[in-house]
């Protein structure tokens, strides 16, 4: 059985079925121990590629069209020819899910790199052959302890870059600034790092998006310094559809520390409450020992799940 991670916001319940699950490598279904790519692959050599994290519920992939939109936009920015139509790539996705008899509680990492290099240099003209496309599905559920106690965040000194440096809307394989932020948060004993932009306003976390609740309003960053999160955007849409004031705006740690509630969003865990930022407790804990979420977070989670059910997609 694969070892479980020991800490952090990505903690999950280990599942022995993953040890021998099928992985899709360039259209071929191979068992996990045999899934391999070249050491000359652009993703390995340079982090030159784009990827998506997907969630399978009841045989349907949540927000699949929006994920494919983001994947194709990232590939276009990097001038990577995916080499498949959206329909063909979706078919590969459902092929590997069906080969594993996966229906629910599954997280998928879909990765596209520029392909194999003739030599390990950065110039795209040294690429030979087609793009490398790997799909890794795993039975993976978040540990309930994280929702029960809430996340502990630490504001790191690593800043999120703006579009003038590396546009954070690009979901590239290169995540070194996020990794460095995660390391600093880890060494501070926190679950995840809260990252600021170059002006000192709250941007995002190292692997999730960050929201606060103040005066019955939902706040998140402007989005100029963070990935265009699919779950982030869905929570905003769900809130606005229900008449909840939801804003993308600049705000600082001053606003965070005195917030009524805070939570993080991501494809893997959905919405996870935040109980502490830089040692400061956020809001009042409710009576449910299994969920540290505040009342607005619980309401938003139900609204988000309803939208997710509406916009999930099975095999065409």
Protein backbone atom coordinates (compact mmCIF):
# COMPACT_ATOMS: atom_id res chain seq x y z
CA UNK A 1 0.00 0.00 0.00
CA UNK A 2 1.33 3.44 -0.91
CA UNK A 3 2.43 5.62 2.04
CA UNK A 4 0.13 8.46 3.01
CA UNK A 5 1.42 12.02 3.14
CA UNK A 6 2.11 13.19 6.67
CA UNK A 7 1.01 16.82 6.59
CA UNK A 8 -0.35 19.73 4.61
CA UNK A 9 -3.51 20.75 2.82
CA UNK A 10 -3.20 17.90 0.29
CA UNK A 11 -3.48 15.12 2.88
CA UNK A 12 -5.49 12.19 1.62
CA UNK A 13 -6.68 8.74 2.62
CA UNK A 14 -4.46 6.11 1.06
CA UNK A 15 -6.08 3.49 -1.16
CA UNK A 16 -4.29 0.23 -2.13
CA UNK A 17 -6.19 0.11 -5.43
CA UNK A 18 -3.94 2.91 -6.68
CA UNK A 19 -0.83 0.76 -6.49
CA UNK A 20 -1.67 -1.18 -9.66
CA UNK A 21 -4.10 1.19 -11.37
CA UNK A 22 -3.96 1.92 -15.08
CA UNK A 23 -2.22 5.13 -16.21
CA UNK A 24 -2.69 6.53 -19.71
CA UNK A 25 0.66 7.37 -21.34
CA UNK A 26 0.31 8.76 -24.86
CA UNK A 27 -2.87 6.76 -25.41
CA UNK A 28 -1.54 3.47 -24.02
CA UNK A 29 -2.97 2.03 -20.80
CA UNK A 30 -0.18 0.74 -18.57
CA UNK A 31 -0.09 -0.31 -14.95
CA UNK A 32 1.18 2.29 -12.52
CA UNK A 33 4.57 0.60 -11.84
CA UNK A 34 5.22 0.51 -15.60
CA UNK A 35 4.17 4.09 -16.41
CA UNK A 36 7.27 5.87 -17.75
CA UNK A 37 8.35 8.78 -19.93
CA UNK A 38 11.72 9.69 -21.45
CA UNK A 39 14.39 11.49 -19.40
CA UNK A 40 14.55 13.84 -22.41
CA UNK A 41 10.90 14.83 -22.04
CA UNK A 42 10.34 18.60 -21.97
CA UNK A 43 8.35 18.35 -18.75
CA UNK A 44 11.17 16.57 -16.94
CA UNK A 45 14.00 18.63 -18.39
CA UNK A 46 12.39 22.08 -18.21
CA UNK A 47 8.98 21.94 -16.56
CA UNK A 48 7.70 22.81 -20.05
CA UNK A 49 4.07 21.81 -20.06
CA UNK A 50 0.55 22.45 -18.76
CA UNK A 51 -1.74 20.34 -16.63
CA UNK A 52 -5.17 20.06 -15.07
CA UNK A 53 -6.47 18.49 -11.87
CA UNK A 54 -9.91 16.90 -12.32
CA UNK A 55 -12.46 15.37 -9.96
CA UNK A 56 -14.76 12.42 -10.72
CA UNK A 57 -18.15 12.24 -9.00
CA UNK A 58 -20.71 9.55 -9.78
CA UNK A 59 -19.10 8.79 -13.13
CA UNK A 60 -18.98 12.43 -14.21
CA UNK A 61 -16.04 14.85 -14.30
CA UNK A 62 -16.74 18.15 -12.56
CA UNK A 63 -16.50 21.26 -14.76
CA UNK A 64 -14.80 19.29 -17.54
CA UNK A 65 -15.42 21.88 -20.26
CA UNK A 66 -13.93 24.66 -18.14
CA UNK A 67 -10.86 22.55 -17.37
CA UNK A 68 -10.32 21.84 -21.06
CA UNK A 69 -10.75 25.54 -21.84
CA UNK A 70 -7.94 26.34 -19.40
CA UNK A 71 -5.72 23.54 -20.70
CA UNK A 72 -6.05 24.68 -24.31
CA UNK A 73 -5.47 28.33 -23.35
CA UNK A 74 -2.25 27.40 -21.54
CA UNK A 75 -1.05 25.25 -24.42
CA UNK A 76 -1.73 28.09 -26.84
CA UNK A 77 0.32 30.51 -24.73
CA UNK A 78 3.25 28.06 -24.73
CA UNK A 79 2.73 27.19 -28.42
CA UNK A 80 2.29 23.52 -27.59
CA UNK A 81 0.33 21.50 -30.12
CA UNK A 82 -1.70 19.06 -28.04
CA UNK A 83 -2.24 17.00 -31.17
CA UNK A 84 -5.75 15.87 -30.22
CA UNK A 85 -9.18 17.41 -30.37
CA UNK A 86 -11.01 18.10 -27.13
CA UNK A 87 -13.30 15.16 -27.90
CA UNK A 88 -10.33 12.83 -28.43
CA UNK A 89 -8.64 13.91 -25.20
CA UNK A 90 -11.88 13.51 -23.24
CA UNK A 91 -12.24 10.01 -24.73
CA UNK A 92 -8.75 9.10 -23.46
CA UNK A 93 -9.74 10.40 -20.03
CA UNK A 94 -12.88 8.29 -19.84
CA UNK A 95 -11.07 5.27 -21.30
CA UNK A 96 -8.61 5.14 -18.42
CA UNK A 97 -11.33 5.81 -15.84
CA UNK A 98 -13.39 2.95 -17.23
CA UNK A 99 -10.36 0.64 -17.43
CA UNK A 100 -9.95 1.16 -13.68
CA UNK A 101 -13.70 0.82 -13.05
CA UNK A 102 -13.62 4.23 -11.40
CA UNK A 103 -16.89 5.95 -10.60
CA UNK A 104 -16.48 8.21 -7.60
CA UNK A 105 -13.96 9.68 -5.17
CA UNK A 106 -11.32 9.95 -7.89
CA UNK A 107 -8.79 12.72 -8.55
CA UNK A 108 -7.10 12.92 -11.96
CA UNK A 109 -3.90 14.66 -13.02
CA UNK A 110 -3.93 15.33 -16.77
CA UNK A 111 -0.54 16.52 -18.08
CA UNK A 112 0.62 17.75 -21.46
CA UNK A 113 4.27 18.54 -22.17
CA UNK A 114 5.94 19.78 -25.33
CA UNK A 115 7.37 16.31 -25.88
CA UNK A 116 10.77 14.66 -26.12
CA UNK A 117 13.86 16.83 -26.75
CA UNK A 118 16.67 15.95 -29.12
CA UNK A 119 19.01 17.34 -26.46
CA UNK A 120 18.25 18.82 -23.01
CA UNK A 121 18.08 22.48 -24.03
CA UNK A 122 15.19 24.90 -23.73
CA UNK A 123 14.73 25.85 -27.41
CA UNK A 124 11.33 24.42 -28.53
CA UNK A 125 12.84 23.71 -31.95
CA UNK A 126 14.84 20.88 -30.38
CA UNK A 127 11.63 18.97 -29.68
CA UNK A 128 11.14 15.80 -31.70
CA UNK A 129 7.79 14.13 -32.16
CA UNK A 130 4.42 14.87 -30.64
CA UNK A 131 3.38 16.25 -27.27
CA UNK A 132 3.54 13.90 -24.29
CA UNK A 133 0.10 13.33 -22.73
CA UNK A 134 -0.19 11.49 -19.41
CA UNK A 135 -3.39 10.91 -17.41
CA UNK A 136 -3.02 9.69 -13.82
CA UNK A 137 -6.28 8.78 -12.07
CA UNK A 138 -6.26 7.92 -8.35
CA UNK A 139 -8.84 6.98 -5.80
CA UNK A 140 -8.19 9.86 -3.46
CA UNK A 141 -10.31 11.37 -0.72
CA UNK A 142 -9.26 14.24 1.57
CA UNK A 143 -8.72 13.30 5.18
CA UNK A 144 -11.73 14.35 7.27
CA UNK A 145 -9.40 15.65 9.98
CA UNK A 146 -8.58 18.69 7.86
CA UNK A 147 -12.17 19.86 7.72
CA UNK A 148 -12.66 18.97 11.38
CA UNK A 149 -9.82 21.15 12.66
CA UNK A 150 -9.50 23.66 9.81
CA UNK A 151 -6.38 24.72 7.96
CA UNK A 152 -3.52 26.62 9.55
CA UNK A 153 -1.95 29.15 7.17
CA UNK A 154 1.32 31.03 7.41
CA UNK A 155 2.07 34.15 5.35
CA UNK A 156 5.29 33.44 3.47
CA UNK A 157 7.81 35.92 2.09
CA UNK A 158 7.69 34.31 -1.38
CA UNK A 159 5.55 36.60 -3.54
CA UNK A 160 3.27 35.72 -6.41
CA UNK A 161 4.51 37.19 -9.65
CA UNK A 162 2.37 39.32 -11.94
CA UNK A 163 1.83 39.05 -15.70
CA UNK A 164 5.03 41.03 -16.32
CA UNK A 165 7.10 38.17 -14.87
CA UNK A 166 5.34 34.82 -15.23
CA UNK A 167 1.59 35.09 -15.61
CA UNK A 168 0.04 33.01 -12.82
CA UNK A 169 -2.94 32.17 -15.00
CA UNK A 170 -0.63 29.76 -16.82
CA UNK A 171 -1.02 26.37 -15.12
CA UNK A 172 2.48 25.26 -16.05
CA UNK A 173 4.51 22.33 -14.81
CA UNK A 174 7.00 24.79 -13.35
CA UNK A 175 5.74 25.55 -9.82
CA UNK A 176 8.97 26.44 -8.04
CA UNK A 177 7.72 29.61 -6.39
CA UNK A 178 4.77 27.63 -5.00
CA UNK A 179 7.10 24.85 -3.85
CA UNK A 180 9.32 27.38 -2.05
CA UNK A 181 6.24 28.89 -0.41
CA UNK A 182 5.10 25.43 0.66
CA UNK A 183 8.52 24.69 2.16
CA UNK A 184 8.46 27.90 4.20
CA UNK A 185 4.94 27.18 5.46
CA UNK A 186 5.92 23.59 6.27
CA UNK A 187 8.93 24.74 8.26
CA UNK A 188 6.67 27.14 10.15
CA UNK A 189 4.41 24.22 11.10
CA UNK A 190 1.50 25.35 8.90
CA UNK A 191 -0.60 23.41 6.42
CA UNK A 192 -0.13 25.85 3.57
CA UNK A 193 1.46 29.18 2.70
CA UNK A 194 -0.61 32.33 2.23
CA UNK A 195 1.04 34.33 -0.55
CA UNK A 196 0.92 38.08 -1.17
CA UNK A 197 1.35 39.92 -4.44
CA UNK A 198 4.20 42.35 -5.09
CA UNK A 199 2.17 45.19 -3.54
CA UNK A 200 1.48 43.34 -0.29
CA UNK A 201 -2.15 42.43 -0.98
CA UNK A 202 -3.38 38.86 -0.46
CA UNK A 203 -3.05 36.86 -3.67
CA UNK A 204 -3.63 33.14 -3.05
CA UNK A 205 -2.16 30.12 -1.26
CA UNK A 206 0.61 27.95 -2.61
CA UNK A 207 -1.78 25.24 -3.88
CA UNK A 208 -5.30 26.52 -3.18
CA UNK A 209 -7.28 29.74 -3.48
CA UNK A 210 -8.17 31.86 -0.46
CA UNK A 211 -11.46 33.50 0.55
CA UNK A 212 -12.62 35.49 3.55
CA UNK A 213 -16.08 36.47 4.79
CA UNK A 214 -16.61 39.97 6.19
CA UNK A 215 -19.95 41.56 7.04
CA UNK A 216 -21.86 38.90 5.13
CA UNK A 217 -19.76 39.50 2.01
CA UNK A 218 -17.44 37.06 0.26
CA UNK A 219 -13.99 38.39 -0.69
CA UNK A 220 -11.20 36.90 -2.73
CA UNK A 221 -8.25 38.46 -4.56
CA UNK A 222 -8.58 40.31 -7.86
CA UNK A 223 -7.20 37.26 -9.66
CA UNK A 224 -4.32 39.09 -11.30
CA UNK A 225 -1.73 37.18 -9.27
CA UNK A 226 -3.24 33.72 -9.13
CA UNK A 227 -4.31 30.82 -11.29
CA UNK A 228 -7.78 31.12 -12.77
CA UNK A 229 -9.09 28.48 -10.42
CA UNK A 230 -12.05 26.42 -11.61
CA UNK A 231 -13.35 25.83 -8.07
CA UNK A 232 -12.64 29.46 -7.16
CA UNK A 233 -14.70 30.68 -10.08
CA UNK A 234 -17.50 28.19 -9.36
CA UNK A 235 -17.79 29.36 -5.74
CA UNK A 236 -18.06 32.98 -6.92
CA UNK A 237 -20.73 32.06 -9.47
CA UNK A 238 -22.68 29.99 -6.94
CA UNK A 239 -22.59 32.81 -4.40
CA UNK A 240 -23.75 35.46 -6.86
CA UNK A 241 -26.51 33.23 -8.16
CA UNK A 242 -27.80 32.95 -4.59
CA UNK A 243 -27.64 36.71 -4.06
CA UNK A 244 -24.60 36.64 -1.77
CA UNK A 245 -22.37 39.69 -2.35
CA UNK A 246 -19.13 38.27 -3.76
CA UNK A 247 -16.16 40.46 -4.67
CA UNK A 248 -12.78 40.06 -6.30
CA UNK A 249 -10.79 42.87 -4.72
CA UNK A 250 -7.55 43.97 -3.11
CA UNK A 251 -7.38 43.30 0.62
CA UNK A 252 -4.58 42.99 3.14
CA UNK A 253 -3.68 40.88 6.14
CA UNK A 254 -5.44 43.50 8.29
CA UNK A 255 -8.71 42.36 6.71
CA UNK A 256 -7.80 38.68 7.01
CA UNK A 257 -7.01 38.68 10.71
CA UNK A 258 -10.37 40.21 11.64
CA UNK A 259 -12.46 38.19 9.16
CA UNK A 260 -15.52 36.31 10.34
CA UNK A 261 -14.64 33.22 8.31
CA UNK A 262 -11.98 32.04 5.89
CA UNK A 263 -11.67 29.04 3.62
CA UNK A 264 -9.59 27.66 0.76
CA UNK A 265 -10.79 26.14 -2.50
CA UNK A 266 -9.32 23.56 -4.84
CA UNK A 267 -10.32 20.70 -7.11
CA UNK A 268 -9.11 18.03 -4.68
CA UNK A 269 -10.90 19.00 -1.45
CA UNK A 270 -13.48 21.50 -2.68
CA UNK A 271 -13.88 23.99 0.18
CA UNK A 272 -11.78 23.63 3.34
CA UNK A 273 -12.20 25.92 6.36
CA UNK A 274 -9.28 28.02 7.63
CA UNK A 275 -9.13 28.32 11.40
CA UNK A 276 -5.83 30.14 11.88
CA UNK A 277 -3.65 32.58 9.92
CA UNK A 278 -0.24 33.54 11.33
CA UNK A 279 -1.29 32.30 14.76
CA UNK A 280 -4.52 34.33 14.81
CA UNK A 281 -7.81 32.48 15.15
CA UNK A 282 -10.34 33.32 12.45
CA UNK A 283 -13.94 33.71 13.60
CA UNK A 284 -15.85 31.49 15.98
CA UNK A 285 -15.90 27.72 15.73
CA UNK A 286 -19.34 26.11 15.38
CA UNK A 287 -20.63 23.19 17.42
CA UNK A 288 -20.00 20.47 14.81
CA UNK A 289 -16.80 18.62 15.82
CA UNK A 290 -16.46 17.21 12.29
CA UNK A 291 -16.52 20.59 10.52
CA UNK A 292 -14.73 23.80 11.54
CA UNK A 293 -16.55 25.75 8.81
CA UNK A 294 -18.52 28.85 9.67
CA UNK A 295 -22.18 29.27 8.63
CA UNK A 296 -21.40 31.13 5.40
CA UNK A 297 -18.81 28.54 4.37
CA UNK A 298 -21.29 25.71 4.97
CA UNK A 299 -23.95 27.51 2.93
CA UNK A 300 -21.53 28.19 0.10
CA UNK A 301 -20.39 24.57 0.08
CA UNK A 302 -23.95 23.40 -0.50
CA UNK A 303 -24.41 25.97 -3.28
CA UNK A 304 -21.11 24.97 -4.86
CA UNK A 305 -21.99 21.27 -4.81
CA UNK A 306 -25.30 21.99 -6.54
CA UNK A 307 -23.49 23.88 -9.29
CA UNK A 308 -20.90 21.14 -9.57
CA UNK A 309 -23.64 18.56 -10.09
CA UNK A 310 -25.16 20.71 -12.83
CA UNK A 311 -21.88 21.17 -14.69
CA UNK A 312 -20.35 17.71 -14.41
CA UNK A 313 -19.96 15.72 -17.61
CA UNK A 314 -19.82 12.04 -18.47
CA UNK A 315 -18.66 10.32 -21.63
CA UNK A 316 -20.25 11.89 -24.69
